[in-house]
Amino acid sequence: MFVRKLSIHRIDLSGAEIACPLHWIDNFAMRNFTNDVIFDDTLPLADGLLEAGHRVPLDRLEVAMEDWFRRKGYLKPGEQLRVSELVRS
């Protein structure tokens, strides 16, 4: 089910990418907060790392996570979120 590894990073005002803390990712992944079944196929692993199933759309995940992180005050004004799939070798 969790076949994809995703990188979850915030981009600060200087353009530096910083791994989002595990507790941010875990907080988002709790379904009672998101109320969206599409994100049930996610598993927080570590700072900046999330596993997900194929049915989780990256574009929707990024938008939803960024919105949630802003509402929680995790992202400062001007900061952005980057969600990308890690390439397996």
PDB file of N, CA and C in Angstrom:
ATOM      1  N   MET A   1       0.829  -1.189   0.000  1.00  0.00           N
ATOM      2  CA  MET A   1       0.000   0.000   0.000  1.00  0.00           C
ATOM      3  C   MET A   1       0.875   1.255   0.000  1.00  0.00           C
ATOM      4  N   PHE A   2       1.897   1.338   0.825  1.00  0.00           N
ATOM      5  CA  PHE A   2       2.749   2.522   0.897  1.00  0.00           C
ATOM      6  C   PHE A   2       3.972   2.303   0.006  1.00  0.00           C
ATOM      7  N   VAL A   3       3.801   2.516  -1.288  1.00  0.00           N
ATOM      8  CA  VAL A   3       4.832   2.181  -2.253  1.00  0.00           C
ATOM      9  C   VAL A   3       5.674   3.377  -2.693  1.00  0.00           C
ATOM     10  N   ARG A   4       5.251   4.584  -2.321  1.00  0.00           N
ATOM     11  CA  ARG A   4       5.970   5.794  -2.732  1.00  0.00           C
ATOM     12  C   ARG A   4       6.546   6.486  -1.507  1.00  0.00           C
ATOM     13  N   LYS A   5       7.767   6.968  -1.633  1.00  0.00           N
ATOM     14  CA  LYS A   5       8.375   7.777  -0.588  1.00  0.00           C
ATOM     15  C   LYS A   5       8.343   9.235  -1.051  1.00  0.00           C
ATOM     16  N   LEU A   6       7.807  10.086  -0.187  1.00  0.00           N
ATOM     17  CA  LEU A   6       7.664  11.492  -0.527  1.00  0.00           C
ATOM     18  C   LEU A   6       8.522  12.352   0.386  1.00  0.00           C
ATOM     19  N   SER A   7       9.086  13.367  -0.197  1.00  0.00           N
ATOM     20  CA  SER A   7       9.874  14.362   0.527  1.00  0.00           C
ATOM     21  C   SER A   7       8.953  15.537   0.847  1.00  0.00           C
ATOM     22  N   ILE A   8       8.945  15.958   2.112  1.00  0.00           N
ATOM     23  CA  ILE A   8       8.098  17.068   2.554  1.00  0.00           C
ATOM     24  C   ILE A   8       9.015  18.136   3.149  1.00  0.00           C
ATOM     25  N   HIS A   9       9.196  19.244   2.420  1.00  0.00           N
ATOM     26  CA  HIS A   9      10.103  20.304   2.863  1.00  0.00           C
ATOM     27  C   HIS A   9       9.423  21.662   2.810  1.00  0.00           C
ATOM     28  N   ARG A  10       9.808  22.517   3.744  1.00  0.00           N
ATOM     29  CA  ARG A  10       9.373  23.913   3.658  1.00  0.00           C
ATOM     30  C   ARG A  10      10.503  24.692   3.022  1.00  0.00           C
ATOM     31  N   ILE A  11      10.141  25.721   2.289  1.00  0.00           N
ATOM     32  CA  ILE A  11      11.123  26.593   1.657  1.00  0.00           C
ATOM     33  C   ILE A  11      11.037  27.926   2.376  1.00  0.00           C
ATOM     34  N   ASP A  12      12.134  28.293   3.069  1.00  0.00           N
ATOM     35  CA  ASP A  12      12.098  29.533   3.842  1.00  0.00           C
ATOM     36  C   ASP A  12      12.316  30.737   2.926  1.00  0.00           C
ATOM     37  N   LEU A  13      12.319  31.916   3.508  1.00  0.00           N
ATOM     38  CA  LEU A  13      12.398  33.147   2.726  1.00  0.00           C
ATOM     39  C   LEU A  13      13.711  33.293   1.962  1.00  0.00           C
ATOM     40  N   SER A  14      14.766  32.624   2.418  1.00  0.00           N
ATOM     41  CA  SER A  14      16.051  32.687   1.708  1.00  0.00           C
ATOM     42  C   SER A  14      16.113  31.672   0.567  1.00  0.00           C
ATOM     43  N   GLY A  15      15.106  30.793   0.471  1.00  0.00           N
ATOM     44  CA  GLY A  15      15.070  29.766  -0.564  1.00  0.00           C
ATOM     45  C   GLY A  15      15.625  28.423  -0.104  1.00  0.00           C
ATOM     46  N   ALA A  16      16.055  28.351   1.151  1.00  0.00           N
ATOM     47  CA  ALA A  16      16.584  27.094   1.680  1.00  0.00           C
ATOM     48  C   ALA A  16      15.449  26.103   1.913  1.00  0.00           C
ATOM     49  N   GLU A  17      15.708  24.830   1.576  1.00  0.00           N
ATOM     50  CA  GLU A  17      14.735  23.766   1.832  1.00  0.00           C
ATOM     51  C   GLU A  17      15.072  23.100   3.155  1.00  0.00           C
ATOM     52  N   ILE A  18      14.059  23.008   4.027  1.00  0.00           N
ATOM     53  CA  ILE A  18      14.231  22.440   5.359  1.00  0.00           C
ATOM     54  C   ILE A  18      13.198  21.339   5.546  1.00  0.00           C
ATOM     55  N   ALA A  19      13.643  20.165   5.953  1.00  0.00           N
ATOM     56  CA  ALA A  19      12.722  19.040   6.177  1.00  0.00           C
ATOM     57  C   ALA A  19      11.672  19.426   7.212  1.00  0.00           C
ATOM     58  N   CYS A  20      10.419  19.168   6.899  1.00  0.00           N
ATOM     59  CA  CYS A  20       9.351  19.435   7.872  1.00  0.00           C
ATOM     60  C   CYS A  20       9.474  18.423   9.007  1.00  0.00           C
ATOM     61  N   PRO A  21       9.303  18.890  10.239  1.00  0.00           N
ATOM     62  CA  PRO A  21       9.392  17.968  11.380  1.00  0.00           C
ATOM     63  C   PRO A  21       8.328  16.873  11.308  1.00  0.00           C
ATOM     64  N   LEU A  22       8.685  15.719  11.811  1.00  0.00           N
ATOM     65  CA  LEU A  22       7.770  14.582  11.819  1.00  0.00           C
ATOM     66  C   LEU A  22       6.436  14.941  12.471  1.00  0.00           C
ATOM     67  N   HIS A  23       6.453  15.695  13.559  1.00  0.00           N
ATOM     68  CA  HIS A  23       5.179  15.993  14.234  1.00  0.00           C
ATOM     69  C   HIS A  23       4.257  16.849  13.373  1.00  0.00           C
ATOM     70  N   TRP A  24       4.788  17.689  12.473  1.00  0.00           N
ATOM     71  CA  TRP A  24       3.924  18.421  11.534  1.00  0.00           C
ATOM     72  C   TRP A  24       3.231  17.440  10.600  1.00  0.00           C
ATOM     73  N   ILE A  25       4.034  16.543  10.019  1.00  0.00           N
ATOM     74  CA  ILE A  25       3.523  15.581   9.033  1.00  0.00           C
ATOM     75  C   ILE A  25       2.520  14.642   9.699  1.00  0.00           C
ATOM     76  N   ASP A  26       2.839  14.177  10.880  1.00  0.00           N
ATOM     77  CA  ASP A  26       1.953  13.280  11.618  1.00  0.00           C
ATOM     78  C   ASP A  26       0.644  13.987  11.958  1.00  0.00           C
ATOM     79  N   ASN A  27       0.727  15.245  12.352  1.00  0.00           N
ATOM     80  CA  ASN A  27      -0.464  16.013  12.691  1.00  0.00           C
ATOM     81  C   ASN A  27      -1.391  16.120  11.489  1.00  0.00           C
ATOM     82  N   PHE A  28      -0.826  16.364  10.312  1.00  0.00           N
ATOM     83  CA  PHE A  28      -1.637  16.436   9.101  1.00  0.00           C
ATOM     84  C   PHE A  28      -2.255  15.086   8.757  1.00  0.00           C
ATOM     85  N   ALA A  29      -1.489  14.027   8.912  1.00  0.00           N
ATOM     86  CA  ALA A  29      -1.915  12.697   8.469  1.00  0.00           C
ATOM     87  C   ALA A  29      -3.055  12.118   9.304  1.00  0.00           C
ATOM     88  N   MET A  30      -3.317  12.670  10.454  1.00  0.00           N
ATOM     89  CA  MET A  30      -4.415  12.156  11.289  1.00  0.00           C
ATOM     90  C   MET A  30      -5.736  12.500  10.614  1.00  0.00           C
ATOM     91  N   ARG A  31      -6.503  11.514  10.231  1.00  0.00           N
ATOM     92  CA  ARG A  31      -7.700  11.724   9.421  1.00  0.00           C
ATOM     93  C   ARG A  31      -8.727  12.612  10.103  1.00  0.00           C
ATOM     94  N   ASN A  32      -8.799  12.574  11.434  1.00  0.00           N
ATOM     95  CA  ASN A  32      -9.813  13.403  12.070  1.00  0.00           C
ATOM     96  C   ASN A  32      -9.531  14.888  11.843  1.00  0.00           C
ATOM     97  N   PHE A  33      -8.297  15.235  11.409  1.00  0.00           N
ATOM     98  CA  PHE A  33      -7.999  16.625  11.079  1.00  0.00           C
ATOM     99  C   PHE A  33      -8.288  16.914   9.613  1.00  0.00           C
ATOM    100  N   THR A  34      -7.913  16.015   8.711  1.00  0.00           N
ATOM    101  CA  THR A  34      -8.072  16.295   7.286  1.00  0.00           C
ATOM    102  C   THR A  34      -9.468  15.981   6.780  1.00  0.00           C
ATOM    103  N   ASN A  35     -10.114  14.966   7.345  1.00  0.00           N
ATOM    104  CA  ASN A  35     -11.434  14.536   6.891  1.00  0.00           C
ATOM    105  C   ASN A  35     -11.469  14.212   5.404  1.00  0.00           C
ATOM    106  N   ASP A  36     -10.359  13.796   4.839  1.00  0.00           N
ATOM    107  CA  ASP A  36     -10.310  13.457   3.427  1.00  0.00           C
ATOM    108  C   ASP A  36      -9.728  12.060   3.286  1.00  0.00           C
ATOM    109  N   VAL A  37     -10.559  11.105   2.863  1.00  0.00           N
ATOM    110  CA  VAL A  37     -10.127   9.704   2.782  1.00  0.00           C
ATOM    111  C   VAL A  37      -8.979   9.495   1.800  1.00  0.00           C
ATOM    112  N   ILE A  38      -8.808  10.406   0.847  1.00  0.00           N
ATOM    113  CA  ILE A  38      -7.741  10.250  -0.138  1.00  0.00           C
ATOM    114  C   ILE A  38      -6.368  10.240   0.529  1.00  0.00           C
ATOM    115  N   PHE A  39      -6.271  10.844   1.715  1.00  0.00           N
ATOM    116  CA  PHE A  39      -4.992  10.911   2.415  1.00  0.00           C
ATOM    117  C   PHE A  39      -4.828   9.800   3.448  1.00  0.00           C
ATOM    118  N   ASP A  40      -5.766   8.853   3.482  1.00  0.00           N
ATOM    119  CA  ASP A  40      -5.635   7.718   4.403  1.00  0.00           C
ATOM    120  C   ASP A  40      -4.437   6.838   4.057  1.00  0.00           C
ATOM    121  N   ASP A  41      -4.040   6.834   2.800  1.00  0.00           N
ATOM    122  CA  ASP A  41      -2.924   6.001   2.358  1.00  0.00           C
ATOM    123  C   ASP A  41      -1.589   6.723   2.537  1.00  0.00           C
ATOM    124  N   THR A  42      -1.397   7.325   3.701  1.00  0.00           N
ATOM    125  CA  THR A  42      -0.135   7.998   4.006  1.00  0.00           C
ATOM    126  C   THR A  42       0.382   7.499   5.345  1.00  0.00           C
ATOM    127  N   LEU A  43       1.700   7.489   5.461  1.00  0.00           N
ATOM    128  CA  LEU A  43       2.344   7.040   6.685  1.00  0.00           C
ATOM    129  C   LEU A  43       3.566   7.915   6.956  1.00  0.00           C
ATOM    130  N   PRO A  44       3.493   8.805   7.958  1.00  0.00           N
ATOM    131  CA  PRO A  44       4.659   9.614   8.306  1.00  0.00           C
ATOM    132  C   PRO A  44       5.791   8.715   8.808  1.00  0.00           C
ATOM    133  N   LEU A  45       7.019   8.973   8.328  1.00  0.00           N
ATOM    134  CA  LEU A  45       8.161   8.128   8.682  1.00  0.00           C
ATOM    135  C   LEU A  45       9.196   8.853   9.538  1.00  0.00           C
ATOM    136  N   ALA A  46       9.543  10.064   9.128  1.00  0.00           N
ATOM    137  CA  ALA A  46      10.614  10.808   9.788  1.00  0.00           C
ATOM    138  C   ALA A  46      10.507  12.267   9.358  1.00  0.00           C
ATOM    139  N   ASP A  47      11.379  13.108   9.890  1.00  0.00           N
ATOM    140  CA  ASP A  47      11.402  14.499   9.443  1.00  0.00           C
ATOM    141  C   ASP A  47      11.550  14.527   7.929  1.00  0.00           C
ATOM    142  N   GLY A  48      10.633  15.217   7.260  1.00  0.00           N
ATOM    143  CA  GLY A  48      10.700  15.383   5.816  1.00  0.00           C
ATOM    144  C   GLY A  48      10.382  14.157   4.990  1.00  0.00           C
ATOM    145  N   LEU A  49       9.833  13.115   5.611  1.00  0.00           N
ATOM    146  CA  LEU A  49       9.606  11.867   4.867  1.00  0.00           C
ATOM    147  C   LEU A  49       8.231  11.269   5.174  1.00  0.00           C
ATOM    148  N   LEU A  50       7.522  10.936   4.097  1.00  0.00           N
ATOM    149  CA  LEU A  50       6.179  10.373   4.184  1.00  0.00           C
ATOM    150  C   LEU A  50       6.074   9.266   3.148  1.00  0.00           C
ATOM    151  N   GLU A  51       5.487   8.144   3.506  1.00  0.00           N
ATOM    152  CA  GLU A  51       5.174   7.110   2.519  1.00  0.00           C
ATOM    153  C   GLU A  51       3.716   7.269   2.131  1.00  0.00           C
ATOM    154  N   ALA A  52       3.411   6.924   0.874  1.00  0.00           N
ATOM    155  CA  ALA A  52       2.045   7.075   0.379  1.00  0.00           C
ATOM    156  C   ALA A  52       1.740   6.021  -0.662  1.00  0.00           C
ATOM    157  N   GLY A  53       0.457   5.754  -0.831  1.00  0.00           N
ATOM    158  CA  GLY A  53      -0.008   4.849  -1.879  1.00  0.00           C
ATOM    159  C   GLY A  53      -0.138   5.590  -3.199  1.00  0.00           C
ATOM    160  N   HIS A  54      -0.369   4.823  -4.272  1.00  0.00           N
ATOM    161  CA  HIS A  54      -0.475   5.409  -5.611  1.00  0.00           C
ATOM    162  C   HIS A  54      -1.683   6.318  -5.767  1.00  0.00           C
ATOM    163  N   ARG A  55      -2.726   6.108  -4.981  1.00  0.00           N
ATOM    164  CA  ARG A  55      -3.938   6.921  -5.190  1.00  0.00           C
ATOM    165  C   ARG A  55      -3.860   8.308  -4.562  1.00  0.00           C
ATOM    166  N   VAL A  56      -2.777   8.611  -3.856  1.00  0.00           N
ATOM    167  CA  VAL A  56      -2.604   9.933  -3.240  1.00  0.00           C
ATOM    168  C   VAL A  56      -2.021  10.887  -4.289  1.00  0.00           C
ATOM    169  N   PRO A  57      -2.801  11.886  -4.735  1.00  0.00           N
ATOM    170  CA  PRO A  57      -2.304  12.817  -5.744  1.00  0.00           C
ATOM    171  C   PRO A  57      -1.373  13.858  -5.104  1.00  0.00           C
ATOM    172  N   LEU A  58      -0.160  13.972  -5.624  1.00  0.00           N
ATOM    173  CA  LEU A  58       0.827  14.880  -5.031  1.00  0.00           C
ATOM    174  C   LEU A  58       0.378  16.331  -5.042  1.00  0.00           C
ATOM    175  N   ASP A  59      -0.268  16.770  -6.121  1.00  0.00           N
ATOM    176  CA  ASP A  59      -0.693  18.165  -6.185  1.00  0.00           C
ATOM    177  C   ASP A  59      -1.715  18.487  -5.101  1.00  0.00           C
ATOM    178  N   ARG A  60      -2.689  17.619  -4.898  1.00  0.00           N
ATOM    179  CA  ARG A  60      -3.688  17.836  -3.833  1.00  0.00           C
ATOM    180  C   ARG A  60      -3.068  17.727  -2.453  1.00  0.00           C
ATOM    181  N   LEU A  61      -2.143  16.787  -2.291  1.00  0.00           N
ATOM    182  CA  LEU A  61      -1.472  16.622  -1.005  1.00  0.00           C
ATOM    183  C   LEU A  61      -0.695  17.879  -0.645  1.00  0.00           C
ATOM    184  N   GLU A  62       0.052  18.406  -1.606  1.00  0.00           N
ATOM    185  CA  GLU A  62       0.848  19.605  -1.341  1.00  0.00           C
ATOM    186  C   GLU A  62      -0.035  20.788  -0.942  1.00  0.00           C
ATOM    187  N   VAL A  63      -1.111  21.009  -1.670  1.00  0.00           N
ATOM    188  CA  VAL A  63      -2.031  22.120  -1.373  1.00  0.00           C
ATOM    189  C   VAL A  63      -2.661  21.934   0.004  1.00  0.00           C
ATOM    190  N   ALA A  64      -3.144  20.728   0.293  1.00  0.00           N
ATOM    191  CA  ALA A  64      -3.805  20.459   1.572  1.00  0.00           C
ATOM    192  C   ALA A  64      -2.823  20.577   2.742  1.00  0.00           C
ATOM    193  N   MET A  65      -1.608  20.051   2.568  1.00  0.00           N
ATOM    194  CA  MET A  65      -0.619  20.145   3.641  1.00  0.00           C
ATOM    195  C   MET A  65      -0.207  21.594   3.879  1.00  0.00           C
ATOM    196  N   GLU A  66       0.026  22.335   2.816  1.00  0.00           N
ATOM    197  CA  GLU A  66       0.424  23.735   2.977  1.00  0.00           C
ATOM    198  C   GLU A  66      -0.679  24.516   3.684  1.00  0.00           C
ATOM    199  N   ASP A  67      -1.923  24.300   3.293  1.00  0.00           N
ATOM    200  CA  ASP A  67      -3.046  24.972   3.951  1.00  0.00           C
ATOM    201  C   ASP A  67      -3.089  24.611   5.439  1.00  0.00           C
ATOM    202  N   TRP A  68      -2.949  23.317   5.751  1.00  0.00           N
ATOM    203  CA  TRP A  68      -2.999  22.872   7.143  1.00  0.00           C
ATOM    204  C   TRP A  68      -1.837  23.469   7.950  1.00  0.00           C
ATOM    205  N   PHE A  69      -0.634  23.443   7.383  1.00  0.00           N
ATOM    206  CA  PHE A  69       0.542  23.975   8.078  1.00  0.00           C
ATOM    207  C   PHE A  69       0.400  25.480   8.322  1.00  0.00           C
ATOM    208  N   ARG A  70      -0.215  26.195   7.402  1.00  0.00           N
ATOM    209  CA  ARG A  70      -0.449  27.638   7.615  1.00  0.00           C
ATOM    210  C   ARG A  70      -1.464  27.862   8.729  1.00  0.00           C
ATOM    211  N   ARG A  71      -2.543  27.092   8.698  1.00  0.00           N
ATOM    212  CA  ARG A  71      -3.563  27.250   9.745  1.00  0.00           C
ATOM    213  C   ARG A  71      -3.009  26.929  11.131  1.00  0.00           C
ATOM    214  N   LYS A  72      -2.079  25.992  11.211  1.00  0.00           N
ATOM    215  CA  LYS A  72      -1.462  25.625  12.483  1.00  0.00           C
ATOM    216  C   LYS A  72      -0.349  26.596  12.889  1.00  0.00           C
ATOM    217  N   GLY A  73       0.042  27.488  11.977  1.00  0.00           N
ATOM    218  CA  GLY A  73       1.111  28.433  12.263  1.00  0.00           C
ATOM    219  C   GLY A  73       2.509  27.860  12.070  1.00  0.00           C
ATOM    220  N   TYR A  74       2.604  26.685  11.431  1.00  0.00           N
ATOM    221  CA  TYR A  74       3.904  26.065  11.187  1.00  0.00           C
ATOM    222  C   TYR A  74       4.685  26.813  10.106  1.00  0.00           C
ATOM    223  N   LEU A  75       3.991  27.231   9.040  1.00  0.00           N
ATOM    224  CA  LEU A  75       4.633  27.989   7.963  1.00  0.00           C
ATOM    225  C   LEU A  75       4.450  29.474   8.212  1.00  0.00           C
ATOM    226  N   LYS A  76       5.538  30.213   8.091  1.00  0.00           N
ATOM    227  CA  LYS A  76       5.490  31.666   8.255  1.00  0.00           C
ATOM    228  C   LYS A  76       5.056  32.299   6.936  1.00  0.00           C
ATOM    229  N   PRO A  77       4.530  33.530   6.997  1.00  0.00           N
ATOM    230  CA  PRO A  77       4.168  34.213   5.749  1.00  0.00           C
ATOM    231  C   PRO A  77       5.365  34.252   4.793  1.00  0.00           C
ATOM    232  N   GLY A  78       5.110  33.926   3.541  1.00  0.00           N
ATOM    233  CA  GLY A  78       6.151  33.913   2.521  1.00  0.00           C
ATOM    234  C   GLY A  78       6.833  32.571   2.348  1.00  0.00           C
ATOM    235  N   GLU A  79       6.723  31.684   3.326  1.00  0.00           N
ATOM    236  CA  GLU A  79       7.308  30.357   3.181  1.00  0.00           C
ATOM    237  C   GLU A  79       6.375  29.491   2.341  1.00  0.00           C
ATOM    238  N   GLN A  80       6.955  28.488   1.701  1.00  0.00           N
ATOM    239  CA  GLN A  80       6.184  27.577   0.863  1.00  0.00           C
ATOM    240  C   GLN A  80       6.476  26.140   1.268  1.00  0.00           C
ATOM    241  N   LEU A  81       5.666  25.242   0.748  1.00  0.00           N
ATOM    242  CA  LEU A  81       5.851  23.817   0.990  1.00  0.00           C
ATOM    243  C   LEU A  81       6.175  23.137  -0.330  1.00  0.00           C
ATOM    244  N   ARG A  82       7.081  22.178  -0.293  1.00  0.00           N
ATOM    245  CA  ARG A  82       7.390  21.389  -1.485  1.00  0.00           C
ATOM    246  C   ARG A  82       7.218  19.916  -1.146  1.00  0.00           C
ATOM    247  N   VAL A  83       6.336  19.255  -1.892  1.00  0.00           N
ATOM    248  CA  VAL A  83       6.120  17.807  -1.758  1.00  0.00           C
ATOM    249  C   VAL A  83       6.583  17.190  -3.073  1.00  0.00           C
ATOM    250  N   SER A  84       7.514  16.253  -2.982  1.00  0.00           N
ATOM    251  CA  SER A  84       8.010  15.600  -4.186  1.00  0.00           C
ATOM    252  C   SER A  84       8.248  14.124  -3.918  1.00  0.00           C
ATOM    253  N   GLU A  85       8.147  13.359  -4.978  1.00  0.00           N
ATOM    254  CA  GLU A  85       8.375  11.921  -4.862  1.00  0.00           C
ATOM    255  C   GLU A  85       9.864  11.629  -4.992  1.00  0.00           C
ATOM    256  N   LEU A  86      10.381  10.825  -4.092  1.00  0.00           N
ATOM    257  CA  LEU A  86      11.785  10.428  -4.155  1.00  0.00           C
ATOM    258  C   LEU A  86      11.930   9.330  -5.188  1.00  0.00           C
ATOM    259  N   VAL A  87      12.927   9.436  -6.009  1.00  0.00           N
ATOM    260  CA  VAL A  87      13.169   8.468  -7.073  1.00  0.00           C
ATOM    261  C   VAL A  87      13.937   7.298  -6.461  1.00  0.00           C
ATOM    262  N   ARG A  88      13.440   6.100  -6.735  1.00  0.00           N
ATOM    263  CA  ARG A  88      14.113   4.885  -6.247  1.00  0.00           C
ATOM    264  C   ARG A  88      15.177   4.474  -7.247  1.00  0.00           C
ATOM    265  N   SER A  89      16.291   4.038  -6.743  1.00  0.00           N
ATOM    266  CA  SER A  89      17.352   3.604  -7.658  1.00  0.00           C
ATOM    267  C   SER A  89      17.517   2.110  -7.633  1.00  0.00           C
TER     268      SER A  89
END
